[in-house]
Each structure stands twice: as C-alpha cells, then as structure tokens.
Amino acid sequence: MHLLLVGRGSSDEEAVEDTKRIARLLEQRVNVHVHVCFLAAVHPHFEKKLQAIISGGAHHIVILPYLLFTGLLMKDIKDTVHEFQSKKQKVTVCDYLGGHRNVPHALRDRVLELI
C-alpha cells in the first residue's frame, strides 16, 4: 500500500516543511511509506506524484488530503483520481481534516498556546 499525503501547498517554506514533518511522523506510526505532494505553489504536484506512484506499479493507493477546508480542492483530487484510476489499482480517497471532531479541539489548544 502507498499512502499519499496531499497538502495545499504554499510559498511559505515553513508550511511546506511542516507538511513533510507530519508525513514523517505518520510514516513512523503506520509503518508504511508516506509520499508527500501538494495541490499548488510547490512540487511535487499531486497529479504528477499520483501518476508516478501508479506508473511504479502500485496496486493500492490511499490518498490523505491534509486540508482543513476544501473549496474546490476535494473535487480536484477526486477528478484527478478518476482520470488515472484503472482496474489495476484500488485508490481510496480519505476525507479532509476539517470534518473531524478533533480539529476544533486542536485549533483551540493552538490558540490557547499562543495566548
């Protein structure tokens, strides 16, 4: 199985590094290689990374959108997956973070930490 962590992307290098750090921590916890890509502003770009994983012969790919809010981003992810998916692969697109019950608690904790 291949896990693809999809970040929004940013011109802020610190934000990009945070996403990569999260991927490394996740990799240690789930004991599977975690690929990282982005939807905008930095490379590797989602579409190209997904294509590379598929071209490498992956049979099961789990896509984990690291997004608090989606706008059109989830639609773009699903449309791209639909373009590349064939009968040879199983591609699972997880829900984005914004809908998880722990997100408001994490945000509150972060605000309190800054205060």
PDB file of N, CA and C in Angstrom:
ATOM      1  N   MET A   1       0.837  -1.184   0.000  1.00  0.00           N
ATOM      2  CA  MET A   1       0.000   0.000   0.000  1.00  0.00           C
ATOM      3  C   MET A   1       0.880   1.244   0.000  1.00  0.00           C
ATOM      4  N   HIS A   2       0.423   2.247  -0.691  1.00  0.00           N
ATOM      5  CA  HIS A   2       1.095   3.542  -0.733  1.00  0.00           C
ATOM      6  C   HIS A   2       0.155   4.585  -0.143  1.00  0.00           C
ATOM      7  N   LEU A   3       0.673   5.409   0.752  1.00  0.00           N
ATOM      8  CA  LEU A   3      -0.103   6.490   1.359  1.00  0.00           C
ATOM      9  C   LEU A   3       0.409   7.812   0.791  1.00  0.00           C
ATOM     10  N   LEU A   4      -0.495   8.600   0.226  1.00  0.00           N
ATOM     11  CA  LEU A   4      -0.139   9.874  -0.394  1.00  0.00           C
ATOM     12  C   LEU A   4      -0.774  11.004   0.402  1.00  0.00           C
ATOM     13  N   LEU A   5       0.049  11.738   1.142  1.00  0.00           N
ATOM     14  CA  LEU A   5      -0.402  12.884   1.922  1.00  0.00           C
ATOM     15  C   LEU A   5      -0.419  14.103   1.007  1.00  0.00           C
ATOM     16  N   VAL A   6      -1.589  14.707   0.843  1.00  0.00           N
ATOM     17  CA  VAL A   6      -1.762  15.819  -0.095  1.00  0.00           C
ATOM     18  C   VAL A   6      -1.964  17.109   0.680  1.00  0.00           C
ATOM     19  N   GLY A   7      -0.983  17.992   0.604  1.00  0.00           N
ATOM     20  CA  GLY A   7      -1.080  19.300   1.233  1.00  0.00           C
ATOM     21  C   GLY A   7      -1.560  20.344   0.250  1.00  0.00           C
ATOM     22  N   ARG A   8      -2.013  21.462   0.765  1.00  0.00           N
ATOM     23  CA  ARG A   8      -2.487  22.556  -0.089  1.00  0.00           C
ATOM     24  C   ARG A   8      -1.337  23.139  -0.901  1.00  0.00           C
ATOM     25  N   GLY A   9      -0.203  23.310  -0.235  1.00  0.00           N
ATOM     26  CA  GLY A   9       0.927  23.953  -0.882  1.00  0.00           C
ATOM     27  C   GLY A   9       0.959  25.422  -0.503  1.00  0.00           C
ATOM     28  N   SER A  10       2.158  25.975  -0.435  1.00  0.00           N
ATOM     29  CA  SER A  10       2.309  27.359  -0.006  1.00  0.00           C
ATOM     30  C   SER A  10       3.662  27.878  -0.455  1.00  0.00           C
ATOM     31  N   SER A  11       3.745  29.176  -0.615  1.00  0.00           N
ATOM     32  CA  SER A  11       5.049  29.777  -0.896  1.00  0.00           C
ATOM     33  C   SER A  11       5.847  29.919   0.401  1.00  0.00           C
ATOM     34  N   ASP A  12       5.204  29.670   1.525  1.00  0.00           N
ATOM     35  CA  ASP A  12       5.857  29.708   2.829  1.00  0.00           C
ATOM     36  C   ASP A  12       6.568  28.378   3.059  1.00  0.00           C
ATOM     37  N   GLU A  13       7.889  28.402   3.000  1.00  0.00           N
ATOM     38  CA  GLU A  13       8.683  27.176   3.123  1.00  0.00           C
ATOM     39  C   GLU A  13       8.445  26.465   4.448  1.00  0.00           C
ATOM     40  N   GLU A  14       8.174  27.224   5.488  1.00  0.00           N
ATOM     41  CA  GLU A  14       7.921  26.613   6.803  1.00  0.00           C
ATOM     42  C   GLU A  14       6.641  25.761   6.770  1.00  0.00           C
ATOM     43  N   ALA A  15       5.627  26.221   6.084  1.00  0.00           N
ATOM     44  CA  ALA A  15       4.386  25.456   5.955  1.00  0.00           C
ATOM     45  C   ALA A  15       4.623  24.169   5.177  1.00  0.00           C
ATOM     46  N   VAL A  16       5.427  24.246   4.142  1.00  0.00           N
ATOM     47  CA  VAL A  16       5.764  23.067   3.349  1.00  0.00           C
ATOM     48  C   VAL A  16       6.544  22.064   4.201  1.00  0.00           C
ATOM     49  N   GLU A  17       7.513  22.558   4.950  1.00  0.00           N
ATOM     50  CA  GLU A  17       8.303  21.678   5.824  1.00  0.00           C
ATOM     51  C   GLU A  17       7.443  21.045   6.910  1.00  0.00           C
ATOM     52  N   ASP A  18       6.458  21.781   7.420  1.00  0.00           N
ATOM     53  CA  ASP A  18       5.539  21.214   8.413  1.00  0.00           C
ATOM     54  C   ASP A  18       4.782  20.019   7.832  1.00  0.00           C
ATOM     55  N   THR A  19       4.339  20.146   6.599  1.00  0.00           N
ATOM     56  CA  THR A  19       3.628  19.043   5.949  1.00  0.00           C
ATOM     57  C   THR A  19       4.543  17.832   5.800  1.00  0.00           C
ATOM     58  N   LYS A  20       5.776  18.063   5.417  1.00  0.00           N
ATOM     59  CA  LYS A  20       6.735  16.958   5.277  1.00  0.00           C
ATOM     60  C   LYS A  20       7.039  16.317   6.629  1.00  0.00           C
ATOM     61  N   ARG A  21       7.102  17.125   7.664  1.00  0.00           N
ATOM     62  CA  ARG A  21       7.345  16.615   9.021  1.00  0.00           C
ATOM     63  C   ARG A  21       6.178  15.731   9.472  1.00  0.00           C
ATOM     64  N   ILE A  22       4.988  16.167   9.182  1.00  0.00           N
ATOM     65  CA  ILE A  22       3.803  15.383   9.523  1.00  0.00           C
ATOM     66  C   ILE A  22       3.823  14.045   8.787  1.00  0.00           C
ATOM     67  N   ALA A  23       4.250  14.062   7.550  1.00  0.00           N
ATOM     68  CA  ALA A  23       4.357  12.814   6.779  1.00  0.00           C
ATOM     69  C   ALA A  23       5.345  11.858   7.432  1.00  0.00           C
ATOM     70  N   ARG A  24       6.482  12.380   7.894  1.00  0.00           N
ATOM     71  CA  ARG A  24       7.483  11.515   8.552  1.00  0.00           C
ATOM     72  C   ARG A  24       6.930  10.923   9.846  1.00  0.00           C
ATOM     73  N   LEU A  25       6.223  11.738  10.623  1.00  0.00           N
ATOM     74  CA  LEU A  25       5.623  11.246  11.867  1.00  0.00           C
ATOM     75  C   LEU A  25       4.562  10.186  11.574  1.00  0.00           C
ATOM     76  N   LEU A  26       3.765  10.418  10.569  1.00  0.00           N
ATOM     77  CA  LEU A  26       2.744   9.460  10.179  1.00  0.00           C
ATOM     78  C   LEU A  26       3.383   8.151   9.710  1.00  0.00           C
ATOM     79  N   GLU A  27       4.443   8.277   8.946  1.00  0.00           N
ATOM     80  CA  GLU A  27       5.160   7.106   8.448  1.00  0.00           C
ATOM     81  C   GLU A  27       5.665   6.224   9.592  1.00  0.00           C
ATOM     82  N   GLN A  28       6.162   6.849  10.647  1.00  0.00           N
ATOM     83  CA  GLN A  28       6.644   6.104  11.809  1.00  0.00           C
ATOM     84  C   GLN A  28       5.503   5.382  12.523  1.00  0.00           C
ATOM     85  N   ARG A  29       4.348   6.014  12.561  1.00  0.00           N
ATOM     86  CA  ARG A  29       3.209   5.428  13.285  1.00  0.00           C
ATOM     87  C   ARG A  29       2.529   4.302  12.533  1.00  0.00           C
ATOM     88  N   VAL A  30       2.385   4.439  11.225  1.00  0.00           N
ATOM     89  CA  VAL A  30       1.635   3.444  10.461  1.00  0.00           C
ATOM     90  C   VAL A  30       2.541   2.425   9.777  1.00  0.00           C
ATOM     91  N   ASN A  31       3.849   2.640   9.870  1.00  0.00           N
ATOM     92  CA  ASN A  31       4.829   1.718   9.311  1.00  0.00           C
ATOM     93  C   ASN A  31       4.589   1.420   7.820  1.00  0.00           C
ATOM     94  N   VAL A  32       4.310   2.482   7.071  1.00  0.00           N
ATOM     95  CA  VAL A  32       4.172   2.387   5.627  1.00  0.00           C
ATOM     96  C   VAL A  32       4.788   3.655   5.035  1.00  0.00           C
ATOM     97  N   HIS A  33       5.336   3.537   3.832  1.00  0.00           N
ATOM     98  CA  HIS A  33       5.952   4.713   3.225  1.00  0.00           C
ATOM     99  C   HIS A  33       4.877   5.752   2.908  1.00  0.00           C
ATOM    100  N   VAL A  34       5.116   7.001   3.322  1.00  0.00           N
ATOM    101  CA  VAL A  34       4.181   8.090   3.073  1.00  0.00           C
ATOM    102  C   VAL A  34       4.809   9.028   2.041  1.00  0.00           C
ATOM    103  N   HIS A  35       4.145   9.151   0.909  1.00  0.00           N
ATOM    104  CA  HIS A  35       4.551  10.094  -0.129  1.00  0.00           C
ATOM    105  C   HIS A  35       3.908  11.441   0.189  1.00  0.00           C
ATOM    106  N   VAL A  36       4.563  12.523  -0.201  1.00  0.00           N
ATOM    107  CA  VAL A  36       4.028  13.863   0.027  1.00  0.00           C
ATOM    108  C   VAL A  36       3.916  14.577  -1.313  1.00  0.00           C
ATOM    109  N   CYS A  37       2.821  15.312  -1.480  1.00  0.00           N
ATOM    110  CA  CYS A  37       2.657  16.146  -2.666  1.00  0.00           C
ATOM    111  C   CYS A  37       1.763  17.322  -2.306  1.00  0.00           C
ATOM    112  N   PHE A  38       1.617  18.230  -3.260  1.00  0.00           N
ATOM    113  CA  PHE A  38       0.886  19.465  -2.999  1.00  0.00           C
ATOM    114  C   PHE A  38      -0.024  19.803  -4.172  1.00  0.00           C
ATOM    115  N   LEU A  39      -1.055  20.564  -3.874  1.00  0.00           N
ATOM    116  CA  LEU A  39      -2.014  20.960  -4.907  1.00  0.00           C
ATOM    117  C   LEU A  39      -1.616  22.250  -5.614  1.00  0.00           C
ATOM    118  N   ALA A  40      -0.786  23.074  -4.978  1.00  0.00           N
ATOM    119  CA  ALA A  40      -0.409  24.349  -5.587  1.00  0.00           C
ATOM    120  C   ALA A  40       0.914  24.846  -5.015  1.00  0.00           C
ATOM    121  N   ALA A  41       1.566  25.707  -5.732  1.00  0.00           N
ATOM    122  CA  ALA A  41       2.704  26.520  -5.291  1.00  0.00           C
ATOM    123  C   ALA A  41       4.036  25.792  -5.146  1.00  0.00           C
ATOM    124  N   VAL A  42       4.050  24.510  -4.846  1.00  0.00           N
ATOM    125  CA  VAL A  42       5.310  23.774  -4.674  1.00  0.00           C
ATOM    126  C   VAL A  42       5.211  22.392  -5.305  1.00  0.00           C
ATOM    127  N   HIS A  43       6.366  21.792  -5.458  1.00  0.00           N
ATOM    128  CA  HIS A  43       6.450  20.446  -6.037  1.00  0.00           C
ATOM    129  C   HIS A  43       6.845  19.460  -4.954  1.00  0.00           C
ATOM    130  N   PRO A  44       6.522  18.208  -5.106  1.00  0.00           N
ATOM    131  CA  PRO A  44       5.842  17.619  -6.261  1.00  0.00           C
ATOM    132  C   PRO A  44       4.347  17.917  -6.256  1.00  0.00           C
ATOM    133  N   HIS A  45       3.830  18.099  -7.453  1.00  0.00           N
ATOM    134  CA  HIS A  45       2.414  18.386  -7.632  1.00  0.00           C
ATOM    135  C   HIS A  45       1.618  17.083  -7.540  1.00  0.00           C
ATOM    136  N   PHE A  46       0.418  17.168  -7.004  1.00  0.00           N
ATOM    137  CA  PHE A  46      -0.433  16.000  -6.778  1.00  0.00           C
ATOM    138  C   PHE A  46      -0.573  15.112  -8.012  1.00  0.00           C
ATOM    139  N   GLU A  47      -0.954  15.693  -9.123  1.00  0.00           N
ATOM    140  CA  GLU A  47      -1.200  14.910 -10.331  1.00  0.00           C
ATOM    141  C   GLU A  47       0.045  14.132 -10.764  1.00  0.00           C
ATOM    142  N   LYS A  48       1.197  14.793 -10.755  1.00  0.00           N
ATOM    143  CA  LYS A  48       2.440  14.141 -11.180  1.00  0.00           C
ATOM    144  C   LYS A  48       2.867  13.060 -10.195  1.00  0.00           C
ATOM    145  N   LYS A  49       2.695  13.308  -8.905  1.00  0.00           N
ATOM    146  CA  LYS A  49       3.079  12.317  -7.897  1.00  0.00           C
ATOM    147  C   LYS A  49       2.174  11.091  -7.981  1.00  0.00           C
ATOM    148  N   LEU A  50       0.879  11.311  -8.139  1.00  0.00           N
ATOM    149  CA  LEU A  50      -0.045  10.193  -8.288  1.00  0.00           C
ATOM    150  C   LEU A  50       0.309   9.373  -9.522  1.00  0.00           C
ATOM    151  N   GLN A  51       0.591  10.036 -10.624  1.00  0.00           N
ATOM    152  CA  GLN A  51       0.969   9.337 -11.856  1.00  0.00           C
ATOM    153  C   GLN A  51       2.238   8.515 -11.646  1.00  0.00           C
ATOM    154  N   ALA A  52       3.210   9.074 -10.942  1.00  0.00           N
ATOM    155  CA  ALA A  52       4.461   8.351 -10.683  1.00  0.00           C
ATOM    156  C   ALA A  52       4.217   7.106  -9.836  1.00  0.00           C
ATOM    157  N   ILE A  53       3.367   7.216  -8.831  1.00  0.00           N
ATOM    158  CA  ILE A  53       3.072   6.064  -7.977  1.00  0.00           C
ATOM    159  C   ILE A  53       2.356   4.979  -8.781  1.00  0.00           C
ATOM    160  N   ILE A  54       1.407   5.387  -9.598  1.00  0.00           N
ATOM    161  CA  ILE A  54       0.685   4.432 -10.440  1.00  0.00           C
ATOM    162  C   ILE A  54       1.638   3.786 -11.441  1.00  0.00           C
ATOM    163  N   SER A  55       2.489   4.594 -12.071  1.00  0.00           N
ATOM    164  CA  SER A  55       3.455   4.069 -13.047  1.00  0.00           C
ATOM    165  C   SER A  55       4.435   3.104 -12.401  1.00  0.00           C
ATOM    166  N   GLY A  56       4.676   3.300 -11.102  1.00  0.00           N
ATOM    167  CA  GLY A  56       5.566   2.406 -10.367  1.00  0.00           C
ATOM    168  C   GLY A  56       4.941   1.067 -10.038  1.00  0.00           C
ATOM    169  N   GLY A  57       3.682   0.882 -10.409  1.00  0.00           N
ATOM    170  CA  GLY A  57       3.039  -0.409 -10.228  1.00  0.00           C
ATOM    171  C   GLY A  57       2.246  -0.575  -8.947  1.00  0.00           C
ATOM    172  N   ALA A  58       1.943   0.510  -8.278  1.00  0.00           N
ATOM    173  CA  ALA A  58       1.177   0.412  -7.032  1.00  0.00           C
ATOM    174  C   ALA A  58      -0.201  -0.182  -7.298  1.00  0.00           C
ATOM    175  N   HIS A  59      -0.622  -1.059  -6.406  1.00  0.00           N
ATOM    176  CA  HIS A  59      -1.936  -1.683  -6.552  1.00  0.00           C
ATOM    177  C   HIS A  59      -2.980  -1.068  -5.627  1.00  0.00           C
ATOM    178  N   HIS A  60      -2.528  -0.488  -4.523  1.00  0.00           N
ATOM    179  CA  HIS A  60      -3.463   0.160  -3.598  1.00  0.00           C
ATOM    180  C   HIS A  60      -2.843   1.474  -3.130  1.00  0.00           C
ATOM    181  N   ILE A  61      -3.551   2.544  -3.383  1.00  0.00           N
ATOM    182  CA  ILE A  61      -3.086   3.882  -3.011  1.00  0.00           C
ATOM    183  C   ILE A  61      -4.149   4.516  -2.124  1.00  0.00           C
ATOM    184  N   VAL A  62      -3.720   5.023  -0.981  1.00  0.00           N
ATOM    185  CA  VAL A  62      -4.618   5.745  -0.094  1.00  0.00           C
ATOM    186  C   VAL A  62      -4.219   7.213  -0.143  1.00  0.00           C
ATOM    187  N   ILE A  63      -5.173   8.063  -0.480  1.00  0.00           N
ATOM    188  CA  ILE A  63      -4.917   9.492  -0.586  1.00  0.00           C
ATOM    189  C   ILE A  63      -5.490  10.169   0.649  1.00  0.00           C
ATOM    190  N   LEU A  64      -4.618  10.859   1.372  1.00  0.00           N
ATOM    191  CA  LEU A  64      -4.995  11.528   2.606  1.00  0.00           C
ATOM    192  C   LEU A  64      -4.873  13.042   2.416  1.00  0.00           C
ATOM    193  N   PRO A  65      -5.981  13.737   2.146  1.00  0.00           N
ATOM    194  CA  PRO A  65      -5.930  15.192   1.977  1.00  0.00           C
ATOM    195  C   PRO A  65      -5.684  15.880   3.323  1.00  0.00           C
ATOM    196  N   TYR A  66      -4.578  16.582   3.418  1.00  0.00           N
ATOM    197  CA  TYR A  66      -4.242  17.316   4.636  1.00  0.00           C
ATOM    198  C   TYR A  66      -4.778  18.733   4.474  1.00  0.00           C
ATOM    199  N   LEU A  67      -6.099  18.863   4.565  1.00  0.00           N
ATOM    200  CA  LEU A  67      -6.793  20.115   4.305  1.00  0.00           C
ATOM    201  C   LEU A  67      -7.817  20.367   5.402  1.00  0.00           C
ATOM    202  N   LEU A  68      -7.865  21.600   5.889  1.00  0.00           N
ATOM    203  CA  LEU A  68      -8.905  21.965   6.846  1.00  0.00           C
ATOM    204  C   LEU A  68     -10.204  22.320   6.127  1.00  0.00           C
ATOM    205  N   PHE A  69     -10.079  22.997   5.006  1.00  0.00           N
ATOM    206  CA  PHE A  69     -11.230  23.423   4.223  1.00  0.00           C
ATOM    207  C   PHE A  69     -10.987  22.984   2.798  1.00  0.00           C
ATOM    208  N   THR A  70     -12.038  22.713   2.064  1.00  0.00           N
ATOM    209  CA  THR A  70     -11.820  22.147   0.738  1.00  0.00           C
ATOM    210  C   THR A  70     -12.035  23.105  -0.413  1.00  0.00           C
ATOM    211  N   GLY A  71     -13.070  23.920  -0.347  1.00  0.00           N
ATOM    212  CA  GLY A  71     -13.382  24.688  -1.540  1.00  0.00           C
ATOM    213  C   GLY A  71     -13.541  23.713  -2.691  1.00  0.00           C
ATOM    214  N   LEU A  72     -12.816  23.924  -3.756  1.00  0.00           N
ATOM    215  CA  LEU A  72     -12.868  23.011  -4.897  1.00  0.00           C
ATOM    216  C   LEU A  72     -11.760  21.966  -4.841  1.00  0.00           C
ATOM    217  N   LEU A  73     -10.950  22.004  -3.806  1.00  0.00           N
ATOM    218  CA  LEU A  73      -9.778  21.127  -3.757  1.00  0.00           C
ATOM    219  C   LEU A  73     -10.136  19.645  -3.728  1.00  0.00           C
ATOM    220  N   MET A  74     -11.121  19.258  -2.946  1.00  0.00           N
ATOM    221  CA  MET A  74     -11.514  17.846  -2.902  1.00  0.00           C
ATOM    222  C   MET A  74     -12.071  17.394  -4.250  1.00  0.00           C
ATOM    223  N   LYS A  75     -12.808  18.264  -4.912  1.00  0.00           N
ATOM    224  CA  LYS A  75     -13.314  17.926  -6.240  1.00  0.00           C
ATOM    225  C   LYS A  75     -12.154  17.708  -7.203  1.00  0.00           C
ATOM    226  N   ASP A  76     -11.144  18.572  -7.135  1.00  0.00           N
ATOM    227  CA  ASP A  76      -9.964  18.416  -7.993  1.00  0.00           C
ATOM    228  C   ASP A  76      -9.255  17.089  -7.716  1.00  0.00           C
ATOM    229  N   ILE A  77      -9.121  16.742  -6.447  1.00  0.00           N
ATOM    230  CA  ILE A  77      -8.472  15.479  -6.085  1.00  0.00           C
ATOM    231  C   ILE A  77      -9.262  14.305  -6.663  1.00  0.00           C
ATOM    232  N   LYS A  78     -10.565  14.293  -6.447  1.00  0.00           N
ATOM    233  CA  LYS A  78     -11.399  13.186  -6.931  1.00  0.00           C
ATOM    234  C   LYS A  78     -11.420  13.110  -8.451  1.00  0.00           C
ATOM    235  N   ASP A  79     -11.465  14.259  -9.112  1.00  0.00           N
ATOM    236  CA  ASP A  79     -11.429  14.267 -10.581  1.00  0.00           C
ATOM    237  C   ASP A  79     -10.111  13.709 -11.103  1.00  0.00           C
ATOM    238  N   THR A  80      -9.008  14.083 -10.474  1.00  0.00           N
ATOM    239  CA  THR A  80      -7.697  13.581 -10.887  1.00  0.00           C
ATOM    240  C   THR A  80      -7.598  12.081 -10.666  1.00  0.00           C
ATOM    241  N   VAL A  81      -8.065  11.616  -9.524  1.00  0.00           N
ATOM    242  CA  VAL A  81      -8.055  10.180  -9.235  1.00  0.00           C
ATOM    243  C   VAL A  81      -8.863   9.438 -10.288  1.00  0.00           C
ATOM    244  N   HIS A  82     -10.020   9.967 -10.624  1.00  0.00           N
ATOM    245  CA  HIS A  82     -10.874   9.328 -11.627  1.00  0.00           C
ATOM    246  C   HIS A  82     -10.166   9.222 -12.985  1.00  0.00           C
ATOM    247  N   GLU A  83      -9.413  10.249 -13.348  1.00  0.00           N
ATOM    248  CA  GLU A  83      -8.671  10.244 -14.618  1.00  0.00           C
ATOM    249  C   GLU A  83      -7.632   9.129 -14.674  1.00  0.00           C
ATOM    250  N   PHE A  84      -6.931   8.915 -13.561  1.00  0.00           N
ATOM    251  CA  PHE A  84      -5.796   7.996 -13.553  1.00  0.00           C
ATOM    252  C   PHE A  84      -6.142   6.571 -13.139  1.00  0.00           C
ATOM    253  N   GLN A  85      -7.234   6.404 -12.459  1.00  0.00           N
ATOM    254  CA  GLN A  85      -7.548   5.092 -11.908  1.00  0.00           C
ATOM    255  C   GLN A  85      -7.899   4.108 -13.016  1.00  0.00           C
ATOM    256  N   SER A  86      -7.391   2.911 -12.851  1.00  0.00           N
ATOM    257  CA  SER A  86      -7.750   1.836 -13.772  1.00  0.00           C
ATOM    258  C   SER A  86      -8.168   0.637 -12.936  1.00  0.00           C
ATOM    259  N   LYS A  87      -8.496  -0.434 -13.600  1.00  0.00           N
ATOM    260  CA  LYS A  87      -8.920  -1.639 -12.890  1.00  0.00           C
ATOM    261  C   LYS A  87      -7.757  -2.302 -12.155  1.00  0.00           C
ATOM    262  N   LYS A  88      -6.538  -1.880 -12.447  1.00  0.00           N
ATOM    263  CA  LYS A  88      -5.355  -2.473 -11.816  1.00  0.00           C
ATOM    264  C   LYS A  88      -5.095  -1.917 -10.427  1.00  0.00           C
ATOM    265  N   GLN A  89      -5.643  -0.736 -10.128  1.00  0.00           N
ATOM    266  CA  GLN A  89      -5.375  -0.092  -8.847  1.00  0.00           C
ATOM    267  C   GLN A  89      -6.654   0.096  -8.047  1.00  0.00           C
ATOM    268  N   LYS A  90      -6.463   0.065  -6.756  1.00  0.00           N
ATOM    269  CA  LYS A  90      -7.525   0.491  -5.852  1.00  0.00           C
ATOM    270  C   LYS A  90      -7.046   1.803  -5.256  1.00  0.00           C
ATOM    271  N   VAL A  91      -7.808   2.870  -5.462  1.00  0.00           N
ATOM    272  CA  VAL A  91      -7.448   4.177  -4.925  1.00  0.00           C
ATOM    273  C   VAL A  91      -8.553   4.596  -3.963  1.00  0.00           C
ATOM    274  N   THR A  92      -8.155   4.848  -2.722  1.00  0.00           N
ATOM    275  CA  THR A  92      -9.089   5.273  -1.692  1.00  0.00           C
ATOM    276  C   THR A  92      -8.785   6.726  -1.350  1.00  0.00           C
ATOM    277  N   VAL A  93      -9.785   7.584  -1.446  1.00  0.00           N
ATOM    278  CA  VAL A  93      -9.619   8.993  -1.084  1.00  0.00           C
ATOM    279  C   VAL A  93     -10.273   9.197   0.278  1.00  0.00           C
ATOM    280  N   CYS A  94      -9.462   9.545   1.267  1.00  0.00           N
ATOM    281  CA  CYS A  94      -9.969   9.798   2.617  1.00  0.00           C
ATOM    282  C   CYS A  94     -10.618  11.178   2.679  1.00  0.00           C
ATOM    283  N   ASP A  95     -11.375  11.385   3.733  1.00  0.00           N
ATOM    284  CA  ASP A  95     -11.994  12.683   3.960  1.00  0.00           C
ATOM    285  C   ASP A  95     -10.931  13.702   4.372  1.00  0.00           C
ATOM    286  N   TYR A  96     -11.201  14.965   4.145  1.00  0.00           N
ATOM    287  CA  TYR A  96     -10.286  16.023   4.574  1.00  0.00           C
ATOM    288  C   TYR A  96     -10.422  16.226   6.079  1.00  0.00           C
ATOM    289  N   LEU A  97      -9.472  16.911   6.687  1.00  0.00           N
ATOM    290  CA  LEU A  97      -9.420  17.063   8.143  1.00  0.00           C
ATOM    291  C   LEU A  97     -10.545  17.887   8.736  1.00  0.00           C
ATOM    292  N   GLY A  98     -11.023  18.879   8.027  1.00  0.00           N
ATOM    293  CA  GLY A  98     -11.996  19.819   8.561  1.00  0.00           C
ATOM    294  C   GLY A  98     -13.210  19.180   9.189  1.00  0.00           C
ATOM    295  N   GLY A  99     -13.597  18.018   8.718  1.00  0.00           N
ATOM    296  CA  GLY A  99     -14.777  17.371   9.240  1.00  0.00           C
ATOM    297  C   GLY A  99     -14.540  16.516  10.470  1.00  0.00           C
ATOM    298  N   HIS A 100     -13.308  16.374  10.888  1.00  0.00           N
ATOM    299  CA  HIS A 100     -13.003  15.508  12.026  1.00  0.00           C
ATOM    300  C   HIS A 100     -13.317  16.217  13.342  1.00  0.00           C
ATOM    301  N   ARG A 101     -13.857  15.483  14.275  1.00  0.00           N
ATOM    302  CA  ARG A 101     -14.285  16.066  15.553  1.00  0.00           C
ATOM    303  C   ARG A 101     -13.129  16.610  16.384  1.00  0.00           C
ATOM    304  N   ASN A 102     -11.894  16.186  16.147  1.00  0.00           N
ATOM    305  CA  ASN A 102     -10.749  16.660  16.924  1.00  0.00           C
ATOM    306  C   ASN A 102     -10.154  17.972  16.409  1.00  0.00           C
ATOM    307  N   VAL A 103     -10.510  18.388  15.203  1.00  0.00           N
ATOM    308  CA  VAL A 103      -9.939  19.609  14.634  1.00  0.00           C
ATOM    309  C   VAL A 103     -10.267  20.849  15.474  1.00  0.00           C
ATOM    310  N   PRO A 104     -11.516  21.057  15.877  1.00  0.00           N
ATOM    311  CA  PRO A 104     -11.782  22.251  16.708  1.00  0.00           C
ATOM    312  C   PRO A 104     -10.991  22.246  18.022  1.00  0.00           C
ATOM    313  N   HIS A 105     -10.802  21.071  18.612  1.00  0.00           N
ATOM    314  CA  HIS A 105     -10.031  20.973  19.853  1.00  0.00           C
ATOM    315  C   HIS A 105      -8.563  21.325  19.610  1.00  0.00           C
ATOM    316  N   ALA A 106      -8.017  20.834  18.502  1.00  0.00           N
ATOM    317  CA  ALA A 106      -6.622  21.133  18.173  1.00  0.00           C
ATOM    318  C   ALA A 106      -6.435  22.630  17.914  1.00  0.00           C
ATOM    319  N   LEU A 107      -7.377  23.231  17.220  1.00  0.00           N
ATOM    320  CA  LEU A 107      -7.297  24.673  16.955  1.00  0.00           C
ATOM    321  C   LEU A 107      -7.409  25.476  18.249  1.00  0.00           C
ATOM    322  N   ARG A 108      -8.334  25.085  19.120  1.00  0.00           N
ATOM    323  CA  ARG A 108      -8.478  25.766  20.409  1.00  0.00           C
ATOM    324  C   ARG A 108      -7.186  25.673  21.213  1.00  0.00           C
ATOM    325  N   ASP A 109      -6.601  24.470  21.261  1.00  0.00           N
ATOM    326  CA  ASP A 109      -5.351  24.273  22.003  1.00  0.00           C
ATOM    327  C   ASP A 109      -4.237  25.145  21.435  1.00  0.00           C
ATOM    328  N   ARG A 110      -4.189  25.259  20.135  1.00  0.00           N
ATOM    329  CA  ARG A 110      -3.151  26.060  19.484  1.00  0.00           C
ATOM    330  C   ARG A 110      -3.324  27.551  19.815  1.00  0.00           C
ATOM    331  N   VAL A 111      -4.565  28.029  19.798  1.00  0.00           N
ATOM    332  CA  VAL A 111      -4.837  29.424  20.135  1.00  0.00           C
ATOM    333  C   VAL A 111      -4.464  29.692  21.594  1.00  0.00           C
ATOM    334  N   LEU A 112      -4.861  28.802  22.479  1.00  0.00           N
ATOM    335  CA  LEU A 112      -4.525  28.972  23.901  1.00  0.00           C
ATOM    336  C   LEU A 112      -3.010  28.953  24.111  1.00  0.00           C
ATOM    337  N   GLU A 113      -2.323  28.119  23.368  1.00  0.00           N
ATOM    338  CA  GLU A 113      -0.861  28.049  23.449  1.00  0.00           C
ATOM    339  C   GLU A 113      -0.236  29.375  23.034  1.00  0.00           C
ATOM    340  N   LEU A 114      -0.782  30.000  22.009  1.00  0.00           N
ATOM    341  CA  LEU A 114      -0.248  31.279  21.535  1.00  0.00           C
ATOM    342  C   LEU A 114      -0.569  32.429  22.474  1.00  0.00           C
ATOM    343  N   ILE A 115      -1.711  32.347  23.130  1.00  0.00           N
ATOM    344  CA  ILE A 115      -2.109  33.394  24.075  1.00  0.00           C
ATOM    345  C   ILE A 115      -1.191  33.342  25.288  1.00  0.00           C
TER     346      ILE A 115
END
